[in-house]
């Protein structure tokens, strides 16, 4: 019985660690910049970029769902 309890505690700790990792990844994904800010950054780096706000929104949508 003690062996089973030890095994179950180890399994629980492993699952809690995995859950914490998933929560951290989720928080990171939600920290994406606003589309307008992203577009401004792109325009500052690449003056002749043909991207527009709709393109940036599409890129952010892809990143959020990936």
PDB file of N, CA and C in Angstrom:
ATOM      1  N   UNK A   1       0.817  -1.174   0.000  1.00  0.00           N
ATOM      2  CA  UNK A   1       0.000   0.000   0.000  1.00  0.00           C
ATOM      3  C   UNK A   1       0.881   1.265   0.000  1.00  0.00           C
ATOM      4  N   UNK A   2       1.955   1.247   0.779  1.00  0.00           N
ATOM      5  CA  UNK A   2       2.864   2.397   0.809  1.00  0.00           C
ATOM      6  C   UNK A   2       3.536   2.607  -0.546  1.00  0.00           C
ATOM      7  N   UNK A   3       3.879   1.525  -1.180  1.00  0.00           N
ATOM      8  CA  UNK A   3       4.503   1.597  -2.497  1.00  0.00           C
ATOM      9  C   UNK A   3       3.548   2.231  -3.506  1.00  0.00           C
ATOM     10  N   UNK A   4       2.302   1.840  -3.445  1.00  0.00           N
ATOM     11  CA  UNK A   4       1.295   2.393  -4.349  1.00  0.00           C
ATOM     12  C   UNK A   4       1.110   3.890  -4.078  1.00  0.00           C
ATOM     13  N   UNK A   5       1.087   4.261  -2.809  1.00  0.00           N
ATOM     14  CA  UNK A   5       0.943   5.665  -2.438  1.00  0.00           C
ATOM     15  C   UNK A   5       2.126   6.485  -2.958  1.00  0.00           C
ATOM     16  N   UNK A   6       3.310   5.952  -2.822  1.00  0.00           N
ATOM     17  CA  UNK A   6       4.506   6.637  -3.313  1.00  0.00           C
ATOM     18  C   UNK A   6       4.451   6.814  -4.825  1.00  0.00           C
ATOM     19  N   UNK A   7       4.025   5.777  -5.513  1.00  0.00           N
ATOM     20  CA  UNK A   7       3.905   5.836  -6.973  1.00  0.00           C
ATOM     21  C   UNK A   7       2.865   6.868  -7.384  1.00  0.00           C
ATOM     22  N   UNK A   8       1.732   6.879  -6.702  1.00  0.00           N
ATOM     23  CA  UNK A   8       0.671   7.829  -7.040  1.00  0.00           C
ATOM     24  C   UNK A   8       1.103   9.267  -6.756  1.00  0.00           C
ATOM     25  N   UNK A   9       1.848   9.481  -5.698  1.00  0.00           N
ATOM     26  CA  UNK A   9       2.355  10.831  -5.401  1.00  0.00           C
ATOM     27  C   UNK A   9       3.333  11.294  -6.482  1.00  0.00           C
ATOM     28  N   UNK A  10       4.182  10.397  -6.921  1.00  0.00           N
ATOM     29  CA  UNK A  10       5.137  10.733  -7.981  1.00  0.00           C
ATOM     30  C   UNK A  10       4.408  11.067  -9.280  1.00  0.00           C
ATOM     31  N   UNK A  11       3.385  10.284  -9.593  1.00  0.00           N
ATOM     32  CA  UNK A  11       2.580  10.549 -10.787  1.00  0.00           C
ATOM     33  C   UNK A  11       1.892  11.910 -10.684  1.00  0.00           C
ATOM     34  N   UNK A  12       1.373  12.208  -9.514  1.00  0.00           N
ATOM     35  CA  UNK A  12       0.690  13.492  -9.311  1.00  0.00           C
ATOM     36  C   UNK A  12       1.672  14.655  -9.470  1.00  0.00           C
ATOM     37  N   UNK A  13       2.851  14.535  -8.909  1.00  0.00           N
ATOM     38  CA  UNK A  13       3.858  15.592  -9.037  1.00  0.00           C
ATOM     39  C   UNK A  13       4.252  15.799 -10.501  1.00  0.00           C
ATOM     40  N   UNK A  14       4.361  14.696 -11.231  1.00  0.00           N
ATOM     41  CA  UNK A  14       4.707  14.786 -12.651  1.00  0.00           C
ATOM     42  C   UNK A  14       3.605  15.513 -13.425  1.00  0.00           C
ATOM     43  N   UNK A  15       2.345  15.187 -13.134  1.00  0.00           N
ATOM     44  CA  UNK A  15       1.234  15.843 -13.821  1.00  0.00           C
ATOM     45  C   UNK A  15       1.156  17.319 -13.449  1.00  0.00           C
ATOM     46  N   UNK A  16       1.439  17.660 -12.192  1.00  0.00           N
ATOM     47  CA  UNK A  16       1.426  19.062 -11.776  1.00  0.00           C
ATOM     48  C   UNK A  16       2.520  19.846 -12.497  1.00  0.00           C
ATOM     49  N   UNK A  17       3.677  19.230 -12.688  1.00  0.00           N
ATOM     50  CA  UNK A  17       4.764  19.865 -13.420  1.00  0.00           C
ATOM     51  C   UNK A  17       4.368  20.093 -14.874  1.00  0.00           C
ATOM     52  N   UNK A  18       3.748  19.103 -15.493  1.00  0.00           N
ATOM     53  CA  UNK A  18       3.302  19.240 -16.874  1.00  0.00           C
ATOM     54  C   UNK A  18       2.247  20.335 -16.999  1.00  0.00           C
ATOM     55  N   UNK A  19       1.335  20.411 -16.039  1.00  0.00           N
ATOM     56  CA  UNK A  19       0.309  21.442 -16.050  1.00  0.00           C
ATOM     57  C   UNK A  19       0.926  22.826 -15.913  1.00  0.00           C
ATOM     58  N   UNK A  20       1.906  22.965 -15.043  1.00  0.00           N
ATOM     59  CA  UNK A  20       2.579  24.254 -14.882  1.00  0.00           C
ATOM     60  C   UNK A  20       3.283  24.662 -16.170  1.00  0.00           C
ATOM     61  N   UNK A  21       3.904  23.704 -16.845  1.00  0.00           N
ATOM     62  CA  UNK A  21       4.557  23.989 -18.131  1.00  0.00           C
ATOM     63  C   UNK A  21       3.540  24.457 -19.168  1.00  0.00           C
ATOM     64  N   UNK A  22       2.404  23.804 -19.237  1.00  0.00           N
ATOM     65  CA  UNK A  22       1.365  24.190 -20.189  1.00  0.00           C
ATOM     66  C   UNK A  22       0.810  25.576 -19.883  1.00  0.00           C
ATOM     67  N   UNK A  23       0.633  25.875 -18.605  1.00  0.00           N
ATOM     68  CA  UNK A  23       0.150  27.207 -18.222  1.00  0.00           C
ATOM     69  C   UNK A  23       1.156  28.279 -18.607  1.00  0.00           C
ATOM     70  N   UNK A  24       2.442  27.989 -18.437  1.00  0.00           N
ATOM     71  CA  UNK A  24       3.475  28.951 -18.796  1.00  0.00           C
ATOM     72  C   UNK A  24       3.487  29.190 -20.303  1.00  0.00           C
ATOM     73  N   UNK A  25       3.361  28.123 -21.085  1.00  0.00           N
ATOM     74  CA  UNK A  25       3.321  28.261 -22.539  1.00  0.00           C
ATOM     75  C   UNK A  25       2.100  29.058 -22.966  1.00  0.00           C
ATOM     76  N   UNK A  26       0.980  28.834 -22.310  1.00  0.00           N
ATOM     77  CA  UNK A  26      -0.248  29.557 -22.627  1.00  0.00           C
ATOM     78  C   UNK A  26      -0.089  31.040 -22.311  1.00  0.00           C
ATOM     79  N   UNK A  27       0.532  31.352 -21.198  1.00  0.00           N
ATOM     80  CA  UNK A  27       0.753  32.753 -20.835  1.00  0.00           C
ATOM     81  C   UNK A  27       1.673  33.423 -21.838  1.00  0.00           C
ATOM     82  N   UNK A  28       2.679  32.714 -22.296  1.00  0.00           N
ATOM     83  CA  UNK A  28       3.608  33.262 -23.278  1.00  0.00           C
ATOM     84  C   UNK A  28       2.889  33.571 -24.576  1.00  0.00           C
ATOM     85  N   UNK A  29       2.005  32.696 -24.984  1.00  0.00           N
ATOM     86  CA  UNK A  29       1.272  32.897 -26.228  1.00  0.00           C
ATOM     87  C   UNK A  29       0.361  34.107 -26.141  1.00  0.00           C
ATOM     88  N   UNK A  30      -0.184  34.387 -24.972  1.00  0.00           N
ATOM     89  CA  UNK A  30      -1.099  35.512 -24.838  1.00  0.00           C
ATOM     90  C   UNK A  30      -0.370  36.845 -24.767  1.00  0.00           C
ATOM     91  N   UNK A  31       0.943  36.853 -24.747  1.00  0.00           N
ATOM     92  CA  UNK A  31       1.714  38.077 -24.655  1.00  0.00           C
ATOM     93  C   UNK A  31       2.139  38.602 -26.019  1.00  0.00           C
ATOM     94  N   UNK A  32       1.414  38.269 -27.055  1.00  0.00           N
ATOM     95  CA  UNK A  32       1.725  38.749 -28.390  1.00  0.00           C
ATOM     96  C   UNK A  32       1.373  40.231 -28.485  1.00  0.00           C
ATOM     97  N   UNK A  33       2.115  40.983 -29.293  1.00  0.00           N
ATOM     98  CA  UNK A  33       1.830  42.412 -29.422  1.00  0.00           C
ATOM     99  C   UNK A  33       0.527  42.657 -30.188  1.00  0.00           C
ATOM    100  N   UNK A  34       0.022  43.860 -30.105  1.00  0.00           N
ATOM    101  CA  UNK A  34      -1.143  44.252 -30.892  1.00  0.00           C
ATOM    102  C   UNK A  34      -0.739  44.314 -32.355  1.00  0.00           C
ATOM    103  N   UNK A  35      -1.695  44.067 -33.239  1.00  0.00           N
ATOM    104  CA  UNK A  35      -1.412  44.050 -34.673  1.00  0.00           C
ATOM    105  C   UNK A  35      -0.836  45.384 -35.146  1.00  0.00           C
ATOM    106  N   UNK A  36      -1.384  46.485 -34.657  1.00  0.00           N
ATOM    107  CA  UNK A  36      -0.908  47.811 -35.075  1.00  0.00           C
ATOM    108  C   UNK A  36       0.539  48.036 -34.624  1.00  0.00           C
ATOM    109  N   UNK A  37       0.865  47.606 -33.410  1.00  0.00           N
ATOM    110  CA  UNK A  37       2.240  47.748 -32.921  1.00  0.00           C
ATOM    111  C   UNK A  37       3.195  46.901 -33.750  1.00  0.00           C
ATOM    112  N   UNK A  38       2.761  45.707 -34.077  1.00  0.00           N
ATOM    113  CA  UNK A  38       3.578  44.820 -34.895  1.00  0.00           C
ATOM    114  C   UNK A  38       3.812  45.422 -36.278  1.00  0.00           C
ATOM    115  N   UNK A  39       2.770  45.991 -36.856  1.00  0.00           N
ATOM    116  CA  UNK A  39       2.894  46.640 -38.165  1.00  0.00           C
ATOM    117  C   UNK A  39       3.868  47.814 -38.090  1.00  0.00           C
ATOM    118  N   UNK A  40       3.777  48.612 -37.048  1.00  0.00           N
ATOM    119  CA  UNK A  40       4.702  49.744 -36.889  1.00  0.00           C
ATOM    120  C   UNK A  40       6.142  49.273 -36.767  1.00  0.00           C
ATOM    121  N   UNK A  41       6.359  48.199 -36.028  1.00  0.00           N
ATOM    122  CA  UNK A  41       7.714  47.660 -35.899  1.00  0.00           C
ATOM    123  C   UNK A  41       8.233  47.178 -37.243  1.00  0.00           C
ATOM    124  N   UNK A  42       7.382  46.526 -38.008  1.00  0.00           N
ATOM    125  CA  UNK A  42       7.771  46.046 -39.327  1.00  0.00           C
ATOM    126  C   UNK A  42       8.106  47.212 -40.247  1.00  0.00           C
ATOM    127  N   UNK A  43       7.280  48.232 -40.233  1.00  0.00           N
ATOM    128  CA  UNK A  43       7.509  49.401 -41.092  1.00  0.00           C
ATOM    129  C   UNK A  43       8.800  50.124 -40.704  1.00  0.00           C
ATOM    130  N   UNK A  44       9.141  50.114 -39.419  1.00  0.00           N
ATOM    131  CA  UNK A  44      10.397  50.735 -38.978  1.00  0.00           C
ATOM    132  C   UNK A  44      11.610  49.957 -39.483  1.00  0.00           C
ATOM    133  N   UNK A  45      11.479  48.651 -39.545  1.00  0.00           N
ATOM    134  CA  UNK A  45      12.601  47.812 -39.991  1.00  0.00           C
ATOM    135  C   UNK A  45      12.672  47.707 -41.502  1.00  0.00           C
ATOM    136  N   UNK A  46      11.524  47.643 -42.151  1.00  0.00           N
ATOM    137  CA  UNK A  46      11.468  47.452 -43.602  1.00  0.00           C
ATOM    138  C   UNK A  46      10.551  48.512 -44.186  1.00  0.00           C
ATOM    139  N   UNK A  47      11.133  49.640 -44.500  1.00  0.00           N
ATOM    140  CA  UNK A  47      10.370  50.816 -44.940  1.00  0.00           C
ATOM    141  C   UNK A  47       9.454  50.524 -46.126  1.00  0.00           C
ATOM    142  N   UNK A  48       9.855  49.656 -47.035  1.00  0.00           N
ATOM    143  CA  UNK A  48       9.082  49.393 -48.250  1.00  0.00           C
ATOM    144  C   UNK A  48       8.178  48.167 -48.136  1.00  0.00           C
ATOM    145  N   UNK A  49       7.939  47.702 -46.932  1.00  0.00           N
ATOM    146  CA  UNK A  49       7.094  46.524 -46.741  1.00  0.00           C
ATOM    147  C   UNK A  49       5.679  46.801 -47.236  1.00  0.00           C
ATOM    148  N   UNK A  50       5.116  45.840 -47.931  1.00  0.00           N
ATOM    149  CA  UNK A  50       3.763  45.973 -48.442  1.00  0.00           C
ATOM    150  C   UNK A  50       2.705  45.427 -47.495  1.00  0.00           C
ATOM    151  N   UNK A  51       3.114  45.025 -46.313  1.00  0.00           N
ATOM    152  CA  UNK A  51       2.176  44.472 -45.340  1.00  0.00           C
ATOM    153  C   UNK A  51       1.248  45.563 -44.820  1.00  0.00           C
ATOM    154  N   UNK A  52       0.027  45.166 -44.491  1.00  0.00           N
ATOM    155  CA  UNK A  52      -0.912  46.117 -43.903  1.00  0.00           C
ATOM    156  C   UNK A  52      -1.457  45.533 -42.598  1.00  0.00           C
ATOM    157  N   UNK A  53      -2.356  46.267 -41.981  1.00  0.00           N
ATOM    158  CA  UNK A  53      -2.884  45.854 -40.686  1.00  0.00           C
ATOM    159  C   UNK A  53      -3.593  44.499 -40.763  1.00  0.00           C
ATOM    160  N   UNK A  54      -4.306  44.245 -41.833  1.00  0.00           N
ATOM    161  CA  UNK A  54      -4.989  42.953 -42.000  1.00  0.00           C
ATOM    162  C   UNK A  54      -3.983  41.808 -42.052  1.00  0.00           C
ATOM    163  N   UNK A  55      -2.835  42.041 -42.696  1.00  0.00           N
ATOM    164  CA  UNK A  55      -1.790  41.017 -42.742  1.00  0.00           C
ATOM    165  C   UNK A  55      -1.275  40.710 -41.338  1.00  0.00           C
ATOM    166  N   UNK A  56      -1.054  41.754 -40.542  1.00  0.00           N
ATOM    167  CA  UNK A  56      -0.544  41.558 -39.185  1.00  0.00           C
ATOM    168  C   UNK A  56      -1.572  40.828 -38.327  1.00  0.00           C
ATOM    169  N   UNK A  57      -2.844  41.157 -38.494  1.00  0.00           N
ATOM    170  CA  UNK A  57      -3.886  40.450 -37.745  1.00  0.00           C
ATOM    171  C   UNK A  57      -3.918  38.974 -38.124  1.00  0.00           C
ATOM    172  N   UNK A  58      -3.724  38.691 -39.398  1.00  0.00           N
ATOM    173  CA  UNK A  58      -3.699  37.292 -39.849  1.00  0.00           C
ATOM    174  C   UNK A  58      -2.506  36.552 -39.258  1.00  0.00           C
ATOM    175  N   UNK A  59      -1.365  37.199 -39.217  1.00  0.00           N
ATOM    176  CA  UNK A  59      -0.162  36.577 -38.647  1.00  0.00           C
ATOM    177  C   UNK A  59      -0.385  36.280 -37.160  1.00  0.00           C
ATOM    178  N   UNK A  60      -0.918  37.247 -36.436  1.00  0.00           N
ATOM    179  CA  UNK A  60      -1.167  37.026 -35.011  1.00  0.00           C
ATOM    180  C   UNK A  60      -2.187  35.922 -34.782  1.00  0.00           C
ATOM    181  N   UNK A  61      -3.195  35.848 -35.630  1.00  0.00           N
ATOM    182  CA  UNK A  61      -4.188  34.778 -35.524  1.00  0.00           C
ATOM    183  C   UNK A  61      -3.541  33.419 -35.726  1.00  0.00           C
ATOM    184  N   UNK A  62      -2.649  33.340 -36.702  1.00  0.00           N
ATOM    185  CA  UNK A  62      -1.940  32.086 -36.950  1.00  0.00           C
ATOM    186  C   UNK A  62      -1.096  31.699 -35.749  1.00  0.00           C
ATOM    187  N   UNK A  63      -0.378  32.663 -35.175  1.00  0.00           N
ATOM    188  CA  UNK A  63       0.465  32.385 -34.021  1.00  0.00           C
ATOM    189  C   UNK A  63      -0.358  31.952 -32.801  1.00  0.00           C
ATOM    190  N   UNK A  64      -1.496  32.571 -32.602  1.00  0.00           N
ATOM    191  CA  UNK A  64      -2.327  32.208 -31.458  1.00  0.00           C
ATOM    192  C   UNK A  64      -2.919  30.814 -31.595  1.00  0.00           C
ATOM    193  N   UNK A  65      -3.196  30.400 -32.818  1.00  0.00           N
ATOM    194  CA  UNK A  65      -3.828  29.098 -33.039  1.00  0.00           C
ATOM    195  C   UNK A  65      -2.842  27.992 -33.352  1.00  0.00           C
ATOM    196  N   UNK A  66      -1.592  28.302 -33.379  1.00  0.00           N
ATOM    197  CA  UNK A  66      -0.575  27.306 -33.734  1.00  0.00           C
ATOM    198  C   UNK A  66      -0.095  26.559 -32.540  1.00  0.00           C
TER     199      UNK A  66
END
